Amino acid sequence: MISRGHGRQALQPRAHRQVPAGAALARLAVCAVLALPATLAAAGADTPAPKDSAPGSSGAAPPAEASIPFADHGGIYNWEVIDDRTMLLQDRDNRWYRATLLFSCQGLTFKQRVGFVANPDGSFDKMSALQVGDQRCPLKSLTRTGPPQRKPEAKSKDT
């Protein structure tokens, strides 16, 4: 039913159509043939790659992505800049994380104040960002790591 004057089509349920059994079976066979490559590709994605697949690879899995809970309520206790794409973060439980940025964040190595843009649930993970001045720097990854290496202090010679 078409309502005239407004150009809208009234929504009515479709009439049930009878499809001959042979046509329904043919449609099912076509759907199965079309879905077969996608099913095989999905099954192949779940199988692990052989260990000797890449020459020179160590076979170690990449570090698991991490998340800092309650980042918007003091969850990030301390931070240390490594370079303009890497920062170490310490949570309030003294665990350290390596935040790798998606691209170079200009001025990060010189800033004394950095903002942490958390997710709506308050956590800080690879979907979060750093705010450096007027620049927002999205994260590429956030992984657990050890504490930063401290440089040995030079001993003064008082002899």
N, C-alpha and C. Protein backbone atom coordinates (compact mmCIF):
# COMPACT_ATOMS: atom_id res chain seq x y z
N MET A 1 0.85 -1.17 0.00
CA MET A 1 0.00 0.00 0.00
C MET A 1 0.89 1.22 0.00
N ILE A 2 0.66 2.12 -0.92
CA ILE A 2 1.45 3.33 -1.03
C ILE A 2 0.56 4.50 -0.65
N SER A 3 1.04 5.31 0.29
CA SER A 3 0.27 6.49 0.66
C SER A 3 0.64 7.60 -0.30
N ARG A 4 -0.35 8.19 -0.87
CA ARG A 4 -0.11 9.22 -1.88
C ARG A 4 0.03 10.58 -1.20
N GLY A 5 0.84 11.42 -1.81
CA GLY A 5 1.01 12.78 -1.29
C GLY A 5 2.30 12.94 -0.49
N HIS A 6 2.70 11.93 0.26
CA HIS A 6 3.93 12.05 1.06
C HIS A 6 5.09 11.28 0.45
N GLY A 7 4.85 10.42 -0.47
CA GLY A 7 5.91 9.67 -1.11
C GLY A 7 6.48 8.56 -0.25
N ARG A 8 5.81 8.19 0.82
CA ARG A 8 6.29 7.12 1.70
C ARG A 8 5.56 5.83 1.40
N GLN A 9 6.24 4.76 1.67
CA GLN A 9 5.63 3.45 1.45
C GLN A 9 5.22 2.90 2.80
N ALA A 10 3.99 2.48 2.93
CA ALA A 10 3.51 1.92 4.19
C ALA A 10 4.15 0.55 4.40
N LEU A 11 4.54 0.27 5.63
CA LEU A 11 5.17 -0.99 5.96
C LEU A 11 4.12 -2.04 6.26
N GLN A 12 4.12 -3.08 5.47
CA GLN A 12 3.21 -4.19 5.67
C GLN A 12 4.01 -5.47 5.54
N PRO A 13 3.65 -6.52 6.29
CA PRO A 13 4.39 -7.78 6.17
C PRO A 13 4.23 -8.37 4.78
N ARG A 14 5.32 -9.02 4.33
CA ARG A 14 5.26 -9.68 3.03
C ARG A 14 4.34 -10.89 3.09
N ALA A 15 3.72 -11.13 1.98
CA ALA A 15 2.88 -12.33 1.89
C ALA A 15 3.79 -13.55 1.81
N HIS A 16 3.41 -14.61 2.48
CA HIS A 16 4.22 -15.84 2.47
C HIS A 16 4.12 -16.48 1.10
N ARG A 17 5.28 -16.70 0.51
CA ARG A 17 5.31 -17.32 -0.81
C ARG A 17 5.75 -18.76 -0.69
N GLN A 18 5.17 -19.59 -1.46
CA GLN A 18 5.56 -20.99 -1.54
C GLN A 18 6.69 -21.12 -2.56
N VAL A 19 7.80 -21.72 -2.15
CA VAL A 19 8.92 -21.95 -3.05
C VAL A 19 8.96 -23.45 -3.33
N PRO A 20 9.06 -23.83 -4.59
CA PRO A 20 9.14 -25.26 -4.90
C PRO A 20 10.34 -25.89 -4.21
N ALA A 21 10.22 -27.15 -3.81
CA ALA A 21 11.27 -27.83 -3.07
C ALA A 21 12.57 -27.88 -3.86
N GLY A 22 12.52 -28.08 -5.14
CA GLY A 22 13.73 -28.13 -5.96
C GLY A 22 14.45 -26.79 -5.98
N ALA A 23 13.72 -25.69 -6.03
CA ALA A 23 14.33 -24.36 -6.06
C ALA A 23 14.97 -24.04 -4.72
N ALA A 24 14.32 -24.45 -3.62
CA ALA A 24 14.88 -24.19 -2.30
C ALA A 24 16.18 -24.97 -2.12
N LEU A 25 16.21 -26.21 -2.59
CA LEU A 25 17.42 -27.02 -2.50
C LEU A 25 18.55 -26.42 -3.35
N ALA A 26 18.21 -25.91 -4.52
CA ALA A 26 19.20 -25.29 -5.40
C ALA A 26 19.78 -24.04 -4.74
N ARG A 27 18.94 -23.23 -4.10
CA ARG A 27 19.42 -22.03 -3.40
C ARG A 27 20.34 -22.41 -2.24
N LEU A 28 19.98 -23.46 -1.55
CA LEU A 28 20.81 -23.91 -0.44
C LEU A 28 22.18 -24.37 -0.93
N ALA A 29 22.22 -25.08 -2.04
CA ALA A 29 23.48 -25.55 -2.60
C ALA A 29 24.35 -24.38 -3.03
N VAL A 30 23.76 -23.36 -3.64
CA VAL A 30 24.50 -22.18 -4.07
C VAL A 30 25.07 -21.46 -2.86
N CYS A 31 24.29 -21.30 -1.80
CA CYS A 31 24.77 -20.65 -0.57
C CYS A 31 25.92 -21.43 0.04
N ALA A 32 25.83 -22.75 0.03
CA ALA A 32 26.89 -23.57 0.61
C ALA A 32 28.18 -23.44 -0.20
N VAL A 33 28.07 -23.40 -1.52
CA VAL A 33 29.25 -23.26 -2.37
C VAL A 33 29.88 -21.89 -2.18
N LEU A 34 29.07 -20.84 -2.04
CA LEU A 34 29.60 -19.50 -1.85
C LEU A 34 30.21 -19.33 -0.46
N ALA A 35 29.69 -20.00 0.53
CA ALA A 35 30.19 -19.86 1.89
C ALA A 35 31.41 -20.74 2.17
N LEU A 36 31.68 -21.71 1.32
CA LEU A 36 32.79 -22.64 1.55
C LEU A 36 34.15 -21.95 1.61
N PRO A 37 34.52 -21.06 0.68
CA PRO A 37 35.84 -20.42 0.79
C PRO A 37 36.00 -19.59 2.07
N ALA A 38 34.95 -18.90 2.47
CA ALA A 38 35.04 -18.11 3.70
C ALA A 38 35.20 -19.01 4.92
N THR A 39 34.51 -20.14 4.92
CA THR A 39 34.63 -21.07 6.04
C THR A 39 36.02 -21.67 6.10
N LEU A 40 36.58 -22.04 4.95
CA LEU A 40 37.92 -22.60 4.92
C LEU A 40 38.97 -21.56 5.33
N ALA A 41 38.79 -20.32 4.93
CA ALA A 41 39.73 -19.27 5.31
C ALA A 41 39.68 -19.02 6.81
N ALA A 42 38.49 -19.04 7.38
CA ALA A 42 38.36 -18.83 8.82
C ALA A 42 38.96 -20.00 9.58
N ALA A 43 38.79 -21.20 9.08
CA ALA A 43 39.36 -22.37 9.75
C ALA A 43 40.88 -22.35 9.64
N GLY A 44 41.41 -21.90 8.53
CA GLY A 44 42.85 -21.82 8.36
C GLY A 44 43.47 -20.74 9.22
N ALA A 45 42.72 -19.69 9.56
CA ALA A 45 43.25 -18.61 10.40
C ALA A 45 43.43 -19.07 11.83
N ASP A 46 42.67 -20.06 12.26
CA ASP A 46 42.76 -20.54 13.63
C ASP A 46 43.89 -21.52 13.84
N THR A 47 44.42 -22.08 12.77
CA THR A 47 45.49 -23.05 12.94
C THR A 47 46.80 -22.33 13.15
N PRO A 48 47.61 -22.77 14.09
CA PRO A 48 48.88 -22.08 14.34
C PRO A 48 49.87 -22.29 13.20
N ALA A 49 50.70 -21.28 12.98
CA ALA A 49 51.70 -21.36 11.93
C ALA A 49 52.81 -22.30 12.37
N PRO A 50 53.45 -22.97 11.45
CA PRO A 50 54.57 -23.84 11.82
C PRO A 50 55.69 -23.01 12.44
N LYS A 51 56.44 -23.61 13.35
CA LYS A 51 57.49 -22.88 14.06
C LYS A 51 58.62 -22.46 13.14
N ASP A 52 58.84 -23.17 12.08
CA ASP A 52 59.93 -22.85 11.17
C ASP A 52 59.42 -22.04 9.98
N SER A 53 58.33 -21.29 10.15
CA SER A 53 57.73 -20.59 9.03
C SER A 53 58.56 -19.41 8.57
N ALA A 54 59.21 -18.69 9.48
CA ALA A 54 60.01 -17.53 9.08
C ALA A 54 61.45 -17.75 9.48
N PRO A 55 62.37 -17.62 8.55
CA PRO A 55 63.76 -17.81 8.91
C PRO A 55 64.23 -16.69 9.82
N GLY A 56 64.93 -17.06 10.89
CA GLY A 56 65.45 -16.08 11.81
C GLY A 56 64.48 -15.64 12.88
N SER A 57 63.27 -16.15 12.86
CA SER A 57 62.31 -15.74 13.88
C SER A 57 62.55 -16.54 15.15
N SER A 58 62.35 -15.88 16.28
CA SER A 58 62.63 -16.55 17.54
C SER A 58 61.48 -17.45 17.97
N GLY A 59 60.31 -17.27 17.37
CA GLY A 59 59.18 -18.11 17.73
C GLY A 59 58.46 -17.63 18.97
N ALA A 60 58.93 -16.56 19.60
CA ALA A 60 58.29 -16.04 20.81
C ALA A 60 57.06 -15.24 20.40
N ALA A 61 56.01 -15.38 21.19
CA ALA A 61 54.79 -14.65 20.93
C ALA A 61 54.98 -13.19 21.32
N PRO A 62 54.31 -12.27 20.63
CA PRO A 62 54.42 -10.87 21.03
C PRO A 62 53.80 -10.67 22.41
N PRO A 63 54.26 -9.67 23.15
CA PRO A 63 53.72 -9.46 24.49
C PRO A 63 52.23 -9.15 24.44
N ALA A 64 51.54 -9.61 25.45
CA ALA A 64 50.10 -9.41 25.50
C ALA A 64 49.78 -7.95 25.82
N GLU A 65 48.71 -7.46 25.23
CA GLU A 65 48.27 -6.10 25.50
C GLU A 65 47.76 -6.01 26.93
N ALA A 66 48.01 -4.88 27.56
CA ALA A 66 47.64 -4.69 28.96
C ALA A 66 46.65 -3.54 29.08
N SER A 67 46.14 -3.36 30.28
CA SER A 67 45.21 -2.27 30.58
C SER A 67 45.46 -1.81 32.00
N ILE A 68 45.43 -0.50 32.21
CA ILE A 68 45.58 0.08 33.54
C ILE A 68 44.20 0.51 34.01
N PRO A 69 43.65 -0.16 35.04
CA PRO A 69 42.32 0.20 35.50
C PRO A 69 42.34 1.51 36.29
N PHE A 70 41.22 2.19 36.31
CA PHE A 70 41.00 3.42 37.08
C PHE A 70 42.04 4.49 36.75
N ALA A 71 42.44 4.59 35.49
CA ALA A 71 43.43 5.59 35.09
C ALA A 71 42.89 7.00 35.30
N ASP A 72 41.59 7.15 35.22
CA ASP A 72 41.00 8.47 35.41
C ASP A 72 40.84 8.84 36.88
N HIS A 73 41.16 7.92 37.79
CA HIS A 73 41.07 8.18 39.25
C HIS A 73 42.38 7.83 39.93
N GLY A 74 43.49 8.27 39.39
CA GLY A 74 44.78 8.05 40.03
C GLY A 74 45.40 6.70 39.76
N GLY A 75 44.96 5.99 38.74
CA GLY A 75 45.51 4.68 38.44
C GLY A 75 46.93 4.73 37.89
N ILE A 76 47.29 5.87 37.28
CA ILE A 76 48.65 6.04 36.78
C ILE A 76 49.40 6.87 37.82
N TYR A 77 50.41 6.25 38.43
CA TYR A 77 51.14 6.87 39.54
C TYR A 77 52.36 7.66 39.06
N ASN A 78 53.07 7.15 38.06
CA ASN A 78 54.31 7.76 37.62
C ASN A 78 54.50 7.49 36.13
N TRP A 79 55.33 8.28 35.47
CA TRP A 79 55.64 8.06 34.07
C TRP A 79 57.04 8.56 33.76
N GLU A 80 57.64 7.95 32.73
CA GLU A 80 58.98 8.32 32.30
C GLU A 80 59.04 8.21 30.79
N VAL A 81 59.49 9.28 30.15
CA VAL A 81 59.58 9.31 28.69
C VAL A 81 60.89 8.68 28.25
N ILE A 82 60.81 7.76 27.29
CA ILE A 82 61.99 7.13 26.70
C ILE A 82 62.42 7.91 25.46
N ASP A 83 61.49 8.11 24.53
CA ASP A 83 61.73 8.92 23.34
C ASP A 83 60.39 9.48 22.89
N ASP A 84 60.34 10.06 21.68
CA ASP A 84 59.09 10.71 21.25
C ASP A 84 58.01 9.74 20.79
N ARG A 85 58.27 8.42 20.90
CA ARG A 85 57.25 7.41 20.58
C ARG A 85 57.05 6.38 21.68
N THR A 86 57.80 6.49 22.78
CA THR A 86 57.74 5.48 23.83
C THR A 86 57.73 6.13 25.20
N MET A 87 56.87 5.62 26.06
CA MET A 87 56.79 6.12 27.43
C MET A 87 56.57 4.94 28.36
N LEU A 88 57.19 4.97 29.52
CA LEU A 88 56.95 3.96 30.56
C LEU A 88 55.98 4.53 31.58
N LEU A 89 54.99 3.74 31.94
CA LEU A 89 53.98 4.16 32.91
C LEU A 89 54.00 3.23 34.10
N GLN A 90 53.78 3.77 35.28
CA GLN A 90 53.71 2.97 36.50
C GLN A 90 52.33 3.16 37.11
N ASP A 91 51.66 2.04 37.41
CA ASP A 91 50.35 2.15 38.04
C ASP A 91 50.51 2.23 39.55
N ARG A 92 49.41 2.37 40.25
CA ARG A 92 49.51 2.55 41.71
C ARG A 92 49.87 1.27 42.45
N ASP A 93 49.93 0.14 41.74
CA ASP A 93 50.39 -1.12 42.34
C ASP A 93 51.85 -1.40 41.98
N ASN A 94 52.58 -0.38 41.53
CA ASN A 94 54.00 -0.45 41.17
C ASN A 94 54.29 -1.39 40.01
N ARG A 95 53.34 -1.62 39.12
CA ARG A 95 53.59 -2.38 37.88
C ARG A 95 53.93 -1.39 36.78
N TRP A 96 54.88 -1.76 35.93
CA TRP A 96 55.32 -0.88 34.86
C TRP A 96 54.78 -1.36 33.53
N TYR A 97 54.49 -0.41 32.64
CA TYR A 97 53.93 -0.66 31.32
C TYR A 97 54.71 0.15 30.29
N ARG A 98 54.86 -0.41 29.09
CA ARG A 98 55.48 0.32 27.98
C ARG A 98 54.37 0.75 27.04
N ALA A 99 54.22 2.07 26.89
CA ALA A 99 53.24 2.64 25.97
C ALA A 99 53.97 3.06 24.70
N THR A 100 53.63 2.43 23.59
CA THR A 100 54.21 2.77 22.30
C THR A 100 53.17 3.56 21.53
N LEU A 101 53.56 4.73 21.04
CA LEU A 101 52.62 5.60 20.34
C LEU A 101 52.52 5.22 18.87
N LEU A 102 51.40 5.56 18.28
CA LEU A 102 51.14 5.25 16.88
C LEU A 102 52.08 6.03 15.96
N PHE A 103 52.38 7.26 16.33
CA PHE A 103 53.32 8.07 15.56
C PHE A 103 54.09 8.96 16.52
N SER A 104 55.09 9.63 16.00
CA SER A 104 55.94 10.49 16.83
C SER A 104 55.12 11.63 17.42
N CYS A 105 55.28 11.85 18.70
CA CYS A 105 54.54 12.90 19.41
C CYS A 105 55.52 14.04 19.70
N GLN A 106 55.43 15.10 18.93
CA GLN A 106 56.38 16.20 19.03
C GLN A 106 56.33 16.86 20.40
N GLY A 107 57.49 17.08 20.96
CA GLY A 107 57.59 17.76 22.24
C GLY A 107 57.41 16.86 23.44
N LEU A 108 57.18 15.59 23.24
CA LEU A 108 56.94 14.69 24.37
C LEU A 108 58.17 14.60 25.28
N THR A 109 59.34 14.58 24.69
CA THR A 109 60.56 14.43 25.49
C THR A 109 60.87 15.68 26.32
N PHE A 110 60.23 16.82 26.01
CA PHE A 110 60.51 18.06 26.73
C PHE A 110 59.40 18.48 27.67
N LYS A 111 58.28 17.81 27.65
CA LYS A 111 57.12 18.23 28.45
C LYS A 111 57.25 17.79 29.89
N GLN A 112 56.79 18.64 30.78
CA GLN A 112 56.73 18.30 32.19
C GLN A 112 55.32 17.90 32.59
N ARG A 113 54.37 18.15 31.72
CA ARG A 113 52.97 17.81 32.00
C ARG A 113 52.41 17.05 30.80
N VAL A 114 51.84 15.87 31.08
CA VAL A 114 51.24 15.02 30.05
C VAL A 114 49.88 14.60 30.54
N GLY A 115 48.89 14.64 29.66
CA GLY A 115 47.54 14.18 29.99
C GLY A 115 47.34 12.76 29.49
N PHE A 116 46.59 11.98 30.25
CA PHE A 116 46.27 10.61 29.86
C PHE A 116 44.79 10.55 29.54
N VAL A 117 44.46 10.34 28.27
CA VAL A 117 43.08 10.30 27.81
C VAL A 117 42.60 8.86 27.95
N ALA A 118 41.80 8.60 28.98
CA ALA A 118 41.34 7.25 29.28
C ALA A 118 40.09 6.90 28.46
N ASN A 119 39.74 5.63 28.48
CA ASN A 119 38.52 5.14 27.83
C ASN A 119 37.30 5.58 28.65
N PRO A 120 36.10 5.46 28.10
CA PRO A 120 34.90 5.83 28.85
C PRO A 120 34.73 5.06 30.17
N ASP A 121 35.27 3.83 30.25
CA ASP A 121 35.16 3.07 31.49
C ASP A 121 36.26 3.43 32.49
N GLY A 122 37.15 4.37 32.12
CA GLY A 122 38.19 4.82 33.03
C GLY A 122 39.50 4.09 32.91
N SER A 123 39.58 3.07 32.06
CA SER A 123 40.82 2.31 31.91
C SER A 123 41.71 2.98 30.86
N PHE A 124 42.98 2.64 30.89
CA PHE A 124 43.96 3.15 29.93
C PHE A 124 44.57 1.94 29.24
N ASP A 125 44.38 1.83 27.92
CA ASP A 125 44.90 0.71 27.15
C ASP A 125 45.31 1.18 25.77
N LYS A 126 45.48 0.27 24.83
CA LYS A 126 45.96 0.65 23.51
C LYS A 126 44.97 1.50 22.72
N MET A 127 43.76 1.61 23.18
CA MET A 127 42.77 2.47 22.52
C MET A 127 42.76 3.87 23.12
N SER A 128 43.62 4.14 24.08
CA SER A 128 43.68 5.43 24.75
C SER A 128 44.68 6.34 24.03
N ALA A 129 44.93 7.51 24.62
CA ALA A 129 45.84 8.48 24.00
C ALA A 129 46.53 9.31 25.07
N LEU A 130 47.60 9.97 24.65
CA LEU A 130 48.28 10.95 25.49
C LEU A 130 47.92 12.33 24.96
N GLN A 131 47.79 13.28 25.86
CA GLN A 131 47.55 14.65 25.48
C GLN A 131 48.81 15.44 25.83
N VAL A 132 49.51 15.93 24.82
CA VAL A 132 50.74 16.69 25.01
C VAL A 132 50.51 18.08 24.43
N GLY A 133 50.28 19.04 25.28
CA GLY A 133 49.92 20.37 24.81
C GLY A 133 48.60 20.30 24.08
N ASP A 134 48.58 20.79 22.83
CA ASP A 134 47.36 20.72 22.01
C ASP A 134 47.31 19.47 21.15
N GLN A 135 48.30 18.63 21.25
CA GLN A 135 48.41 17.45 20.40
C GLN A 135 47.92 16.20 21.12
N ARG A 136 47.06 15.45 20.48
CA ARG A 136 46.61 14.16 21.01
C ARG A 136 47.38 13.06 20.29
N CYS A 137 48.04 12.19 21.06
CA CYS A 137 48.89 11.15 20.52
C CYS A 137 48.31 9.78 20.86
N PRO A 138 47.68 9.08 19.89
CA PRO A 138 47.09 7.77 20.17
C PRO A 138 48.14 6.70 20.38
N LEU A 139 47.79 5.70 21.19
CA LEU A 139 48.70 4.60 21.47
C LEU A 139 48.60 3.54 20.38
N LYS A 140 49.73 2.89 20.13
CA LYS A 140 49.77 1.72 19.24
C LYS A 140 49.65 0.46 20.07
N SER A 141 50.33 0.44 21.25
CA SER A 141 50.25 -0.72 22.12
C SER A 141 50.58 -0.31 23.55
N LEU A 142 50.13 -1.11 24.49
CA LEU A 142 50.42 -0.95 25.91
C LEU A 142 50.69 -2.34 26.46
N THR A 143 51.94 -2.60 26.84
CA THR A 143 52.33 -3.93 27.32
C THR A 143 53.03 -3.81 28.66
N ARG A 144 52.97 -4.90 29.45
CA ARG A 144 53.68 -4.94 30.74
C ARG A 144 55.17 -5.04 30.50
N THR A 145 55.95 -4.39 31.37
CA THR A 145 57.38 -4.43 31.28
C THR A 145 57.97 -4.27 32.67
N GLY A 146 59.27 -4.37 32.77
CA GLY A 146 59.94 -4.18 34.04
C GLY A 146 60.19 -2.69 34.31
N PRO A 147 60.69 -2.38 35.49
CA PRO A 147 60.99 -0.97 35.81
C PRO A 147 62.09 -0.44 34.91
N PRO A 148 62.16 0.87 34.74
CA PRO A 148 63.19 1.43 33.87
C PRO A 148 64.58 1.21 34.45
N GLN A 149 65.54 1.11 33.56
CA GLN A 149 66.93 0.93 33.97
C GLN A 149 67.48 2.26 34.45
N ARG A 150 68.04 2.28 35.62
CA ARG A 150 68.63 3.50 36.17
C ARG A 150 70.10 3.56 35.80
N LYS A 151 70.55 4.75 35.43
CA LYS A 151 71.96 4.94 35.13
C LYS A 151 72.73 5.01 36.42
N PRO A 152 73.87 4.35 36.50
CA PRO A 152 74.67 4.44 37.74
C PRO A 152 75.18 5.87 37.89
N GLU A 153 75.09 6.37 39.13
CA GLU A 153 75.54 7.73 39.40
C GLU A 153 77.05 7.77 39.46
N ALA A 154 77.60 8.87 38.99
CA ALA A 154 79.06 9.03 39.00
C ALA A 154 79.52 9.29 40.43
N LYS A 155 80.53 8.57 40.84
CA LYS A 155 81.06 8.74 42.19
C LYS A 155 82.01 9.93 42.22
N SER A 156 81.88 10.74 43.24
CA SER A 156 82.76 11.89 43.37
C SER A 156 84.08 11.45 44.00
N LYS A 157 85.16 12.05 43.55
CA LYS A 157 86.48 11.70 44.07
C LYS A 157 86.87 12.71 45.15
N ASP A 158 86.82 12.32 46.39
CA ASP A 158 87.16 13.19 47.51
C ASP A 158 88.44 12.68 48.19
N THR A 159 89.44 12.37 47.48
CA THR A 159 90.67 11.87 48.09
C THR A 159 91.74 12.89 48.19
